[in-house]
Amino acid sequence: MYYLYLLRSCDERREFYVGSTPDLKRRIAEHNDGKNPSARGTRWEVVYYEAYRTLKAARERERLLKHDGRSRRFLMERIRKHLE
């Protein structure tokens, strides 16, 4: 199984980070241990994930969310309703 995930920073900035991985627990630990340069310096929590059968499908969804404003906006609106 492969995962698309959305993290939210635990600091006051409440930034979001989108990624994909075959091992979700390991990847989150790497983020929180500072092993990912683009997410270094803060603690992260998982706020959303999707499971896929192939890495290609998870990466396609990741690319869509990172490069298509409409798709990202729709997902963020959905998630924010449950986070507040």
Protein backbone atom coordinates (compact mmCIF):
# COMPACT_ATOMS: atom_id res chain seq x y z
CA MET A 1 0.00 0.00 0.00
CA TYR A 2 1.18 3.54 -0.78
CA TYR A 3 -0.01 6.72 0.85
CA LEU A 4 -0.61 10.33 -0.02
CA TYR A 5 -0.49 12.35 3.19
CA LEU A 6 -1.14 15.86 4.40
CA LEU A 7 0.70 17.12 7.47
CA ARG A 8 0.04 20.23 9.52
CA SER A 9 2.73 21.93 11.57
CA CYS A 10 2.15 21.96 15.32
CA ASP A 11 3.43 25.52 15.74
CA GLU A 12 1.46 28.76 15.51
CA ARG A 13 2.00 28.99 11.73
CA ARG A 14 -0.16 25.90 11.03
CA GLU A 15 1.54 25.25 7.69
CA PHE A 16 0.65 22.24 5.55
CA TYR A 17 2.88 19.75 3.74
CA VAL A 18 1.80 17.22 1.07
CA GLY A 19 3.80 14.07 0.32
CA SER A 20 3.61 10.40 -0.61
CA THR A 21 5.29 7.28 0.78
CA PRO A 22 5.04 3.50 1.06
CA ASP A 23 5.57 3.69 4.86
CA LEU A 24 3.52 6.42 6.50
CA LYS A 25 4.72 5.96 10.10
CA ARG A 26 8.39 5.98 9.09
CA ARG A 27 7.92 9.05 6.89
CA ILE A 28 6.22 11.08 9.62
CA ALA A 29 9.02 10.15 12.03
CA GLU A 30 11.53 11.38 9.43
CA HIS A 31 9.68 14.71 9.16
CA ASN A 32 9.63 15.14 12.93
CA ASP A 33 13.29 14.12 13.26
CA GLY A 34 14.32 16.85 10.81
CA LYS A 35 15.42 14.47 8.03
CA ASN A 36 13.35 16.26 5.37
CA PRO A 37 14.97 19.61 4.42
CA SER A 38 11.73 21.20 3.19
CA ALA A 39 9.88 20.36 6.42
CA ARG A 40 12.70 20.77 8.93
CA GLY A 41 12.42 22.78 12.12
CA THR A 42 8.94 21.98 13.36
CA ARG A 43 6.78 19.12 14.60
CA TRP A 44 4.13 17.74 12.26
CA GLU A 45 0.85 15.90 12.69
CA VAL A 46 -1.05 13.88 10.09
CA VAL A 47 -4.39 15.50 9.31
CA TYR A 48 -5.32 13.49 6.22
CA TYR A 49 -4.16 10.54 4.13
CA GLU A 50 -5.31 8.44 1.18
CA ALA A 51 -4.20 4.86 0.41
CA TYR A 52 -3.31 3.66 -3.10
CA ARG A 53 -2.32 0.30 -4.56
CA THR A 54 0.58 1.71 -6.57
CA LEU A 55 3.27 4.27 -5.91
CA LYS A 56 2.51 5.81 -9.31
CA ALA A 57 -1.09 6.53 -8.30
CA ALA A 58 -0.03 8.10 -4.98
CA ARG A 59 2.59 10.25 -6.71
CA GLU A 60 0.09 11.38 -9.36
CA ARG A 61 -2.30 12.51 -6.62
CA GLU A 62 0.56 14.29 -4.83
CA ARG A 63 1.54 16.09 -8.03
CA LEU A 64 -2.09 17.10 -8.62
CA LEU A 65 -2.40 18.60 -5.14
CA LYS A 66 0.91 20.43 -5.42
CA HIS A 67 0.31 21.87 -8.90
CA ASP A 68 -3.46 22.24 -9.30
CA GLY A 69 -4.86 25.01 -7.13
CA ARG A 70 -8.46 23.91 -7.57
CA SER A 71 -7.78 20.35 -6.34
CA ARG A 72 -5.75 21.56 -3.37
CA ARG A 73 -8.32 24.21 -2.45
CA PHE A 74 -11.15 21.64 -2.53
CA LEU A 75 -9.23 19.25 -0.26
CA MET A 76 -8.17 22.02 2.13
CA GLU A 77 -11.75 23.28 2.48
CA ARG A 78 -12.87 19.74 3.30
CA ILE A 79 -10.13 19.24 5.87
CA ARG A 80 -10.39 22.64 7.55
CA LYS A 81 -14.06 21.98 8.37
CA HIS A 82 -12.94 19.05 10.53
CA LEU A 83 -9.91 20.74 12.08
CA GLU A 84 -11.69 23.74 13.58
